[in-house]
């Protein structure tokens, strides 16, 4: 997934965390390798920069389908389109 804004050009070269506006943030148990927005400045007021961005998926729809196959769903920040939560879906005992 891509963020709507990038690191400003004046500080990008000096930023030790920045990879095109993102920094690695570990491995999430459901999302795999994740990134978060560069911590050197505030990016998203809606999620307070708490959203994460899966490294493997570029589109929210692809991530949604992959999670659905495992009985999970993601909650997206409406501003930066990062993942703010992953939760299990229940279907009252039906086919998974």
PDB file of N, CA and C in Angstrom:
ATOM      1  N   UNK A   1       0.838  -1.162   0.000  1.00  0.00           N
ATOM      2  CA  UNK A   1       0.000   0.000   0.000  1.00  0.00           C
ATOM      3  C   UNK A   1       0.888   1.232   0.000  1.00  0.00           C
ATOM      4  N   UNK A   2       0.406   2.274  -0.560  1.00  0.00           N
ATOM      5  CA  UNK A   2       1.200   3.494  -0.595  1.00  0.00           C
ATOM      6  C   UNK A   2       0.498   4.598   0.167  1.00  0.00           C
ATOM      7  N   UNK A   3       1.278   5.414   0.821  1.00  0.00           N
ATOM      8  CA  UNK A   3       0.723   6.539   1.568  1.00  0.00           C
ATOM      9  C   UNK A   3       0.489   7.707   0.624  1.00  0.00           C
ATOM     10  N   UNK A   4      -0.457   8.576   0.936  1.00  0.00           N
ATOM     11  CA  UNK A   4      -0.746   9.700   0.065  1.00  0.00           C
ATOM     12  C   UNK A   4       0.336  10.779   0.078  1.00  0.00           C
ATOM     13  N   UNK A   5       1.215  10.765   1.077  1.00  0.00           N
ATOM     14  CA  UNK A   5       2.240  11.799   1.186  1.00  0.00           C
ATOM     15  C   UNK A   5       3.600  11.136   1.280  1.00  0.00           C
ATOM     16  N   UNK A   6       4.627  11.838   0.887  1.00  0.00           N
ATOM     17  CA  UNK A   6       5.992  11.329   0.976  1.00  0.00           C
ATOM     18  C   UNK A   6       6.792  12.196   1.928  1.00  0.00           C
ATOM     19  N   UNK A   7       7.928  11.693   2.340  1.00  0.00           N
ATOM     20  CA  UNK A   7       8.855  12.447   3.183  1.00  0.00           C
ATOM     21  C   UNK A   7       9.293  13.679   2.397  1.00  0.00           C
ATOM     22  N   UNK A   8       9.368  14.832   3.068  1.00  0.00           N
ATOM     23  CA  UNK A   8       9.759  16.025   2.317  1.00  0.00           C
ATOM     24  C   UNK A   8      11.219  15.915   1.877  1.00  0.00           C
ATOM     25  N   UNK A   9      11.529  16.480   0.739  1.00  0.00           N
ATOM     26  CA  UNK A   9      12.834  16.313   0.099  1.00  0.00           C
ATOM     27  C   UNK A   9      13.986  16.887   0.907  1.00  0.00           C
ATOM     28  N   UNK A  10      13.734  17.871   1.737  1.00  0.00           N
ATOM     29  CA  UNK A  10      14.814  18.497   2.494  1.00  0.00           C
ATOM     30  C   UNK A  10      15.328  17.609   3.619  1.00  0.00           C
ATOM     31  N   UNK A  11      14.476  16.800   4.226  1.00  0.00           N
ATOM     32  CA  UNK A  11      14.920  15.960   5.337  1.00  0.00           C
ATOM     33  C   UNK A  11      15.086  14.496   4.962  1.00  0.00           C
ATOM     34  N   UNK A  12      14.631  14.080   3.795  1.00  0.00           N
ATOM     35  CA  UNK A  12      14.686  12.670   3.414  1.00  0.00           C
ATOM     36  C   UNK A  12      16.107  12.130   3.377  1.00  0.00           C
ATOM     37  N   UNK A  13      17.041  12.896   2.865  1.00  0.00           N
ATOM     38  CA  UNK A  13      18.417  12.406   2.749  1.00  0.00           C
ATOM     39  C   UNK A  13      19.061  12.189   4.118  1.00  0.00           C
ATOM     40  N   UNK A  14      18.703  12.985   5.097  1.00  0.00           N
ATOM     41  CA  UNK A  14      19.307  12.886   6.424  1.00  0.00           C
ATOM     42  C   UNK A  14      18.566  11.922   7.349  1.00  0.00           C
ATOM     43  N   UNK A  15      17.436  11.432   6.943  1.00  0.00           N
ATOM     44  CA  UNK A  15      16.619  10.586   7.813  1.00  0.00           C
ATOM     45  C   UNK A  15      17.151   9.149   7.825  1.00  0.00           C
ATOM     46  N   UNK A  16      17.586   8.650   8.988  1.00  0.00           N
ATOM     47  CA  UNK A  16      18.108   7.283   9.047  1.00  0.00           C
ATOM     48  C   UNK A  16      17.023   6.210   8.952  1.00  0.00           C
ATOM     49  N   UNK A  17      15.761   6.587   9.119  1.00  0.00           N
ATOM     50  CA  UNK A  17      14.668   5.630   9.109  1.00  0.00           C
ATOM     51  C   UNK A  17      13.982   5.520   7.756  1.00  0.00           C
ATOM     52  N   UNK A  18      14.105   6.521   6.932  1.00  0.00           N
ATOM     53  CA  UNK A  18      13.230   6.679   5.778  1.00  0.00           C
ATOM     54  C   UNK A  18      13.549   5.741   4.614  1.00  0.00           C
ATOM     55  N   UNK A  19      12.528   5.015   4.178  1.00  0.00           N
ATOM     56  CA  UNK A  19      12.564   4.256   2.935  1.00  0.00           C
ATOM     57  C   UNK A  19      11.344   4.741   2.168  1.00  0.00           C
ATOM     58  N   UNK A  20      11.517   5.789   1.420  1.00  0.00           N
ATOM     59  CA  UNK A  20      10.425   6.414   0.674  1.00  0.00           C
ATOM     60  C   UNK A  20       9.255   6.774   1.591  1.00  0.00           C
ATOM     61  N   UNK A  21       9.579   7.300   2.776  1.00  0.00           N
ATOM     62  CA  UNK A  21       8.544   7.729   3.706  1.00  0.00           C
ATOM     63  C   UNK A  21       8.108   6.678   4.709  1.00  0.00           C
ATOM     64  N   UNK A  22       8.684   5.489   4.652  1.00  0.00           N
ATOM     65  CA  UNK A  22       8.316   4.399   5.553  1.00  0.00           C
ATOM     66  C   UNK A  22       9.540   3.853   6.276  1.00  0.00           C
ATOM     67  N   UNK A  23       9.309   3.142   7.375  1.00  0.00           N
ATOM     68  CA  UNK A  23      10.372   2.468   8.113  1.00  0.00           C
ATOM     69  C   UNK A  23       9.892   1.062   8.475  1.00  0.00           C
ATOM     70  N   UNK A  24      10.767   0.058   8.419  1.00  0.00           N
ATOM     71  CA  UNK A  24      10.361  -1.293   8.822  1.00  0.00           C
ATOM     72  C   UNK A  24       9.893  -1.300  10.277  1.00  0.00           C
ATOM     73  N   UNK A  25       8.862  -2.097  10.566  1.00  0.00           N
ATOM     74  CA  UNK A  25       8.301  -2.116  11.917  1.00  0.00           C
ATOM     75  C   UNK A  25       8.117  -3.532  12.450  1.00  0.00           C
ATOM     76  N   UNK A  26       8.740  -4.516  11.834  1.00  0.00           N
ATOM     77  CA  UNK A  26       8.682  -5.876  12.359  1.00  0.00           C
ATOM     78  C   UNK A  26       7.798  -6.800  11.545  1.00  0.00           C
ATOM     79  N   UNK A  27       7.420  -7.906  12.189  1.00  0.00           N
ATOM     80  CA  UNK A  27       6.591  -8.922  11.542  1.00  0.00           C
ATOM     81  C   UNK A  27       5.309  -9.091  12.356  1.00  0.00           C
ATOM     82  N   UNK A  28       4.200  -8.811  11.726  1.00  0.00           N
ATOM     83  CA  UNK A  28       2.878  -8.945  12.351  1.00  0.00           C
ATOM     84  C   UNK A  28       2.425 -10.398  12.175  1.00  0.00           C
ATOM     85  N   UNK A  29       1.771 -11.005  13.172  1.00  0.00           N
ATOM     86  CA  UNK A  29       1.373 -12.410  13.051  1.00  0.00           C
ATOM     87  C   UNK A  29       0.391 -12.698  11.910  1.00  0.00           C
ATOM     88  N   UNK A  30      -0.401 -11.726  11.506  1.00  0.00           N
ATOM     89  CA  UNK A  30      -1.370 -11.942  10.427  1.00  0.00           C
ATOM     90  C   UNK A  30      -0.986 -11.252   9.126  1.00  0.00           C
ATOM     91  N   UNK A  31      -0.257 -10.156   9.204  1.00  0.00           N
ATOM     92  CA  UNK A  31       0.069  -9.361   8.017  1.00  0.00           C
ATOM     93  C   UNK A  31       1.453  -9.649   7.460  1.00  0.00           C
ATOM     94  N   UNK A  32       2.294 -10.312   8.227  1.00  0.00           N
ATOM     95  CA  UNK A  32       3.674 -10.559   7.795  1.00  0.00           C
ATOM     96  C   UNK A  32       4.531  -9.322   8.038  1.00  0.00           C
ATOM     97  N   UNK A  33       5.506  -9.106   7.169  1.00  0.00           N
ATOM     98  CA  UNK A  33       6.395  -7.949   7.320  1.00  0.00           C
ATOM     99  C   UNK A  33       5.596  -6.665   7.140  1.00  0.00           C
ATOM    100  N   UNK A  34       5.808  -5.725   8.055  1.00  0.00           N
ATOM    101  CA  UNK A  34       5.052  -4.477   8.001  1.00  0.00           C
ATOM    102  C   UNK A  34       5.976  -3.269   8.081  1.00  0.00           C
ATOM    103  N   UNK A  35       5.474  -2.178   7.561  1.00  0.00           N
ATOM    104  CA  UNK A  35       6.133  -0.881   7.642  1.00  0.00           C
ATOM    105  C   UNK A  35       5.195   0.081   8.351  1.00  0.00           C
ATOM    106  N   UNK A  36       5.743   1.138   8.876  1.00  0.00           N
ATOM    107  CA  UNK A  36       4.933   2.240   9.378  1.00  0.00           C
ATOM    108  C   UNK A  36       5.484   3.516   8.768  1.00  0.00           C
ATOM    109  N   UNK A  37       4.747   4.590   8.892  1.00  0.00           N
ATOM    110  CA  UNK A  37       5.221   5.852   8.332  1.00  0.00           C
ATOM    111  C   UNK A  37       6.442   6.323   9.107  1.00  0.00           C
ATOM    112  N   UNK A  38       7.337   7.002   8.427  1.00  0.00           N
ATOM    113  CA  UNK A  38       8.590   7.467   9.018  1.00  0.00           C
ATOM    114  C   UNK A  38       8.309   8.234  10.317  1.00  0.00           C
ATOM    115  N   UNK A  39       8.964   7.856  11.431  1.00  0.00           N
ATOM    116  CA  UNK A  39       8.657   8.456  12.727  1.00  0.00           C
ATOM    117  C   UNK A  39       9.233   9.852  12.954  1.00  0.00           C
ATOM    118  N   UNK A  40       9.911  10.417  11.975  1.00  0.00           N
ATOM    119  CA  UNK A  40      10.533  11.725  12.184  1.00  0.00           C
ATOM    120  C   UNK A  40       9.551  12.880  12.139  1.00  0.00           C
ATOM    121  N   UNK A  41       8.340  12.641  11.647  1.00  0.00           N
ATOM    122  CA  UNK A  41       7.333  13.697  11.646  1.00  0.00           C
ATOM    123  C   UNK A  41       5.940  13.089  11.656  1.00  0.00           C
ATOM    124  N   UNK A  42       4.958  13.881  12.027  1.00  0.00           N
ATOM    125  CA  UNK A  42       3.567  13.420  12.088  1.00  0.00           C
ATOM    126  C   UNK A  42       2.993  13.386  10.677  1.00  0.00           C
ATOM    127  N   UNK A  43       2.355  12.269  10.320  1.00  0.00           N
ATOM    128  CA  UNK A  43       1.808  12.113   8.979  1.00  0.00           C
ATOM    129  C   UNK A  43       0.288  12.117   8.967  1.00  0.00           C
ATOM    130  N   UNK A  44      -0.307  11.308   9.818  1.00  0.00           N
ATOM    131  CA  UNK A  44      -1.757  11.115   9.755  1.00  0.00           C
ATOM    132  C   UNK A  44      -2.392  11.459  11.098  1.00  0.00           C
ATOM    133  N   UNK A  45      -3.222  12.483  11.105  1.00  0.00           N
ATOM    134  CA  UNK A  45      -3.914  12.878  12.331  1.00  0.00           C
ATOM    135  C   UNK A  45      -5.038  11.909  12.701  1.00  0.00           C
ATOM    136  N   UNK A  46      -5.585  11.214  11.723  1.00  0.00           N
ATOM    137  CA  UNK A  46      -6.716  10.328  11.975  1.00  0.00           C
ATOM    138  C   UNK A  46      -6.323   9.130  12.837  1.00  0.00           C
ATOM    139  N   UNK A  47      -5.226   8.468  12.488  1.00  0.00           N
ATOM    140  CA  UNK A  47      -4.803   7.280  13.245  1.00  0.00           C
ATOM    141  C   UNK A  47      -3.614   7.565  14.153  1.00  0.00           C
ATOM    142  N   UNK A  48      -3.172   8.812  14.204  1.00  0.00           N
ATOM    143  CA  UNK A  48      -2.008   9.209  15.014  1.00  0.00           C
ATOM    144  C   UNK A  48      -0.774   8.399  14.640  1.00  0.00           C
ATOM    145  N   UNK A  49      -0.645   8.068  13.369  1.00  0.00           N
ATOM    146  CA  UNK A  49       0.487   7.298  12.835  1.00  0.00           C
ATOM    147  C   UNK A  49       0.605   5.904  13.444  1.00  0.00           C
ATOM    148  N   UNK A  50      -0.499   5.321  13.897  1.00  0.00           N
ATOM    149  CA  UNK A  50      -0.473   3.977  14.464  1.00  0.00           C
ATOM    150  C   UNK A  50      -0.743   2.896  13.421  1.00  0.00           C
ATOM    151  N   UNK A  51      -1.135   3.279  12.219  1.00  0.00           N
ATOM    152  CA  UNK A  51      -1.400   2.305  11.165  1.00  0.00           C
ATOM    153  C   UNK A  51      -0.104   1.666  10.691  1.00  0.00           C
ATOM    154  N   UNK A  52      -0.237   0.431  10.208  1.00  0.00           N
ATOM    155  CA  UNK A  52       0.904  -0.266   9.617  1.00  0.00           C
ATOM    156  C   UNK A  52       0.562  -0.609   8.169  1.00  0.00           C
ATOM    157  N   UNK A  53       1.608  -0.867   7.395  1.00  0.00           N
ATOM    158  CA  UNK A  53       1.456  -1.123   5.971  1.00  0.00           C
ATOM    159  C   UNK A  53       2.156  -2.432   5.629  1.00  0.00           C
ATOM    160  N   UNK A  54       1.404  -3.469   5.231  1.00  0.00           N
ATOM    161  CA  UNK A  54       2.026  -4.743   4.883  1.00  0.00           C
ATOM    162  C   UNK A  54       2.972  -4.592   3.699  1.00  0.00           C
ATOM    163  N   UNK A  55       4.129  -5.224   3.790  1.00  0.00           N
ATOM    164  CA  UNK A  55       5.129  -5.116   2.729  1.00  0.00           C
ATOM    165  C   UNK A  55       4.710  -5.875   1.473  1.00  0.00           C
ATOM    166  N   UNK A  56       3.937  -6.933   1.634  1.00  0.00           N
ATOM    167  CA  UNK A  56       3.608  -7.803   0.507  1.00  0.00           C
ATOM    168  C   UNK A  56       2.468  -7.259  -0.346  1.00  0.00           C
ATOM    169  N   UNK A  57       1.508  -6.594   0.254  1.00  0.00           N
ATOM    170  CA  UNK A  57       0.307  -6.177  -0.465  1.00  0.00           C
ATOM    171  C   UNK A  57       0.370  -4.704  -0.833  1.00  0.00           C
ATOM    172  N   UNK A  58       0.079  -4.399  -2.086  1.00  0.00           N
ATOM    173  CA  UNK A  58       0.080  -3.018  -2.557  1.00  0.00           C
ATOM    174  C   UNK A  58      -1.317  -2.407  -2.566  1.00  0.00           C
ATOM    175  N   UNK A  59      -2.346  -3.257  -2.610  1.00  0.00           N
ATOM    176  CA  UNK A  59      -3.720  -2.748  -2.663  1.00  0.00           C
ATOM    177  C   UNK A  59      -4.520  -3.279  -1.481  1.00  0.00           C
ATOM    178  N   UNK A  60      -5.339  -2.444  -0.864  1.00  0.00           N
ATOM    179  CA  UNK A  60      -6.172  -2.916   0.250  1.00  0.00           C
ATOM    180  C   UNK A  60      -7.080  -4.086  -0.134  1.00  0.00           C
ATOM    181  N   UNK A  61      -7.556  -4.118  -1.370  1.00  0.00           N
ATOM    182  CA  UNK A  61      -8.445  -5.205  -1.801  1.00  0.00           C
ATOM    183  C   UNK A  61      -7.717  -6.547  -1.793  1.00  0.00           C
ATOM    184  N   UNK A  62      -6.457  -6.574  -2.219  1.00  0.00           N
ATOM    185  CA  UNK A  62      -5.683  -7.820  -2.208  1.00  0.00           C
ATOM    186  C   UNK A  62      -5.480  -8.321  -0.780  1.00  0.00           C
ATOM    187  N   UNK A  63      -5.188  -7.412   0.125  1.00  0.00           N
ATOM    188  CA  UNK A  63      -5.022  -7.782   1.530  1.00  0.00           C
ATOM    189  C   UNK A  63      -6.337  -8.294   2.105  1.00  0.00           C
ATOM    190  N   UNK A  64      -7.434  -7.637   1.786  1.00  0.00           N
ATOM    191  CA  UNK A  64      -8.744  -8.048   2.298  1.00  0.00           C
ATOM    192  C   UNK A  64      -9.083  -9.469   1.866  1.00  0.00           C
ATOM    193  N   UNK A  65      -8.813  -9.806   0.617  1.00  0.00           N
ATOM    194  CA  UNK A  65      -9.096 -11.154   0.113  1.00  0.00           C
ATOM    195  C   UNK A  65      -8.208 -12.182   0.811  1.00  0.00           C
ATOM    196  N   UNK A  66      -6.919 -11.874   0.957  1.00  0.00           N
ATOM    197  CA  UNK A  66      -6.002 -12.804   1.620  1.00  0.00           C
ATOM    198  C   UNK A  66      -6.402 -13.045   3.075  1.00  0.00           C
ATOM    199  N   UNK A  67      -6.781 -11.995   3.781  1.00  0.00           N
ATOM    200  CA  UNK A  67      -7.204 -12.150   5.169  1.00  0.00           C
ATOM    201  C   UNK A  67      -8.525 -12.908   5.267  1.00  0.00           C
ATOM    202  N   UNK A  68      -9.434 -12.640   4.345  1.00  0.00           N
ATOM    203  CA  UNK A  68     -10.733 -13.308   4.348  1.00  0.00           C
ATOM    204  C   UNK A  68     -10.574 -14.819   4.200  1.00  0.00           C
ATOM    205  N   UNK A  69      -9.596 -15.244   3.417  1.00  0.00           N
ATOM    206  CA  UNK A  69      -9.324 -16.677   3.248  1.00  0.00           C
ATOM    207  C   UNK A  69      -8.926 -17.337   4.567  1.00  0.00           C
ATOM    208  N   UNK A  70      -8.443 -16.553   5.507  1.00  0.00           N
ATOM    209  CA  UNK A  70      -8.043 -17.062   6.823  1.00  0.00           C
ATOM    210  C   UNK A  70      -9.053 -16.693   7.909  1.00  0.00           C
ATOM    211  N   UNK A  71     -10.217 -16.202   7.503  1.00  0.00           N
ATOM    212  CA  UNK A  71     -11.259 -15.850   8.461  1.00  0.00           C
ATOM    213  C   UNK A  71     -10.974 -14.573   9.225  1.00  0.00           C
ATOM    214  N   UNK A  72     -10.220 -13.661   8.606  1.00  0.00           N
ATOM    215  CA  UNK A  72      -9.846 -12.408   9.257  1.00  0.00           C
ATOM    216  C   UNK A  72     -10.291 -11.217   8.419  1.00  0.00           C
ATOM    217  N   UNK A  73     -10.350 -10.065   9.041  1.00  0.00           N
ATOM    218  CA  UNK A  73     -10.658  -8.820   8.332  1.00  0.00           C
ATOM    219  C   UNK A  73      -9.779  -7.716   8.893  1.00  0.00           C
ATOM    220  N   UNK A  74      -9.497  -6.722   8.069  1.00  0.00           N
ATOM    221  CA  UNK A  74      -8.671  -5.589   8.481  1.00  0.00           C
ATOM    222  C   UNK A  74      -9.528  -4.336   8.581  1.00  0.00           C
ATOM    223  N   UNK A  75      -9.137  -3.462   9.485  1.00  0.00           N
ATOM    224  CA  UNK A  75      -9.744  -2.138   9.603  1.00  0.00           C
ATOM    225  C   UNK A  75      -8.714  -1.156   9.073  1.00  0.00           C
ATOM    226  N   UNK A  76      -9.128  -0.303   8.140  1.00  0.00           N
ATOM    227  CA  UNK A  76      -8.211   0.640   7.500  1.00  0.00           C
ATOM    228  C   UNK A  76      -8.450   2.058   7.996  1.00  0.00           C
ATOM    229  N   UNK A  77      -7.381   2.822   8.116  1.00  0.00           N
ATOM    230  CA  UNK A  77      -7.501   4.246   8.416  1.00  0.00           C
ATOM    231  C   UNK A  77      -8.062   4.927   7.170  1.00  0.00           C
ATOM    232  N   UNK A  78      -9.105   5.727   7.284  1.00  0.00           N
ATOM    233  CA  UNK A  78      -9.691   6.364   6.105  1.00  0.00           C
ATOM    234  C   UNK A  78      -8.803   7.436   5.478  1.00  0.00           C
ATOM    235  N   UNK A  79      -7.801   7.902   6.197  1.00  0.00           N
ATOM    236  CA  UNK A  79      -6.936   8.959   5.671  1.00  0.00           C
ATOM    237  C   UNK A  79      -5.701   8.397   4.975  1.00  0.00           C
ATOM    238  N   UNK A  80      -4.924   7.558   5.676  1.00  0.00           N
ATOM    239  CA  UNK A  80      -3.667   7.058   5.103  1.00  0.00           C
ATOM    240  C   UNK A  80      -3.814   5.661   4.519  1.00  0.00           C
ATOM    241  N   UNK A  81      -4.941   5.002   4.718  1.00  0.00           N
ATOM    242  CA  UNK A  81      -5.260   3.664   4.230  1.00  0.00           C
ATOM    243  C   UNK A  81      -4.311   2.602   4.800  1.00  0.00           C
ATOM    244  N   UNK A  82      -3.753   2.873   5.971  1.00  0.00           N
ATOM    245  CA  UNK A  82      -2.969   1.862   6.666  1.00  0.00           C
ATOM    246  C   UNK A  82      -3.887   0.965   7.479  1.00  0.00           C
ATOM    247  N   UNK A  83      -3.378  -0.172   7.881  1.00  0.00           N
ATOM    248  CA  UNK A  83      -4.159  -1.118   8.679  1.00  0.00           C
ATOM    249  C   UNK A  83      -4.072  -0.714  10.145  1.00  0.00           C
ATOM    250  N   UNK A  84      -5.213  -0.493  10.766  1.00  0.00           N
ATOM    251  CA  UNK A  84      -5.231  -0.121  12.181  1.00  0.00           C
ATOM    252  C   UNK A  84      -5.555  -1.309  13.081  1.00  0.00           C
ATOM    253  N   UNK A  85      -6.211  -2.340  12.545  1.00  0.00           N
ATOM    254  CA  UNK A  85      -6.542  -3.524  13.343  1.00  0.00           C
ATOM    255  C   UNK A  85      -6.835  -4.700  12.424  1.00  0.00           C
ATOM    256  N   UNK A  86      -6.607  -5.907  12.934  1.00  0.00           N
ATOM    257  CA  UNK A  86      -6.988  -7.152  12.263  1.00  0.00           C
ATOM    258  C   UNK A  86      -7.805  -7.942  13.275  1.00  0.00           C
ATOM    259  N   UNK A  87      -8.971  -8.409  12.853  1.00  0.00           N
ATOM    260  CA  UNK A  87      -9.820  -9.141  13.789  1.00  0.00           C
ATOM    261  C   UNK A  87     -10.438 -10.354  13.099  1.00  0.00           C
ATOM    262  N   UNK A  88     -10.794 -11.395  13.883  1.00  0.00           N
ATOM    263  CA  UNK A  88     -11.402 -12.593  13.299  1.00  0.00           C
ATOM    264  C   UNK A  88     -12.864 -12.350  12.939  1.00  0.00           C
ATOM    265  N   UNK A  89     -13.274 -12.959  11.851  1.00  0.00           N
ATOM    266  CA  UNK A  89     -14.679 -12.917  11.447  1.00  0.00           C
ATOM    267  C   UNK A  89     -15.360 -14.175  11.963  1.00  0.00           C
ATOM    268  N   UNK A  90     -16.566 -14.049  12.416  1.00  0.00           N
ATOM    269  CA  UNK A  90     -17.320 -15.230  12.821  1.00  0.00           C
ATOM    270  C   UNK A  90     -18.446 -15.437  11.826  1.00  0.00           C
ATOM    271  N   UNK A  91     -18.760 -16.684  11.582  1.00  0.00           N
ATOM    272  CA  UNK A  91     -19.846 -16.986  10.647  1.00  0.00           C
ATOM    273  C   UNK A  91     -20.803 -18.013  11.247  1.00  0.00           C
ATOM    274  N   UNK A  92     -20.939 -17.988  12.565  1.00  0.00           N
ATOM    275  CA  UNK A  92     -21.876 -18.859  13.277  1.00  0.00           C
ATOM    276  C   UNK A  92     -21.677 -20.338  12.957  1.00  0.00           C
ATOM    277  N   UNK A  93     -20.435 -20.759  12.820  1.00  0.00           N
ATOM    278  CA  UNK A  93     -20.140 -22.173  12.619  1.00  0.00           C
ATOM    279  C   UNK A  93     -20.237 -22.645  11.190  1.00  0.00           C
ATOM    280  N   UNK A  94     -20.412 -21.751  10.243  1.00  0.00           N
ATOM    281  CA  UNK A  94     -20.501 -22.141   8.838  1.00  0.00           C
ATOM    282  C   UNK A  94     -19.144 -22.500   8.255  1.00  0.00           C
ATOM    283  N   UNK A  95     -19.119 -22.745   6.981  1.00  0.00           N
ATOM    284  CA  UNK A  95     -17.874 -23.096   6.294  1.00  0.00           C
ATOM    285  C   UNK A  95     -16.930 -21.920   6.344  1.00  0.00           C
ATOM    286  N   UNK A  96     -15.701 -22.203   6.641  1.00  0.00           N
ATOM    287  CA  UNK A  96     -14.693 -21.156   6.729  1.00  0.00           C
ATOM    288  C   UNK A  96     -13.999 -20.941   5.432  1.00  0.00           C
TER     289      UNK A  96
END
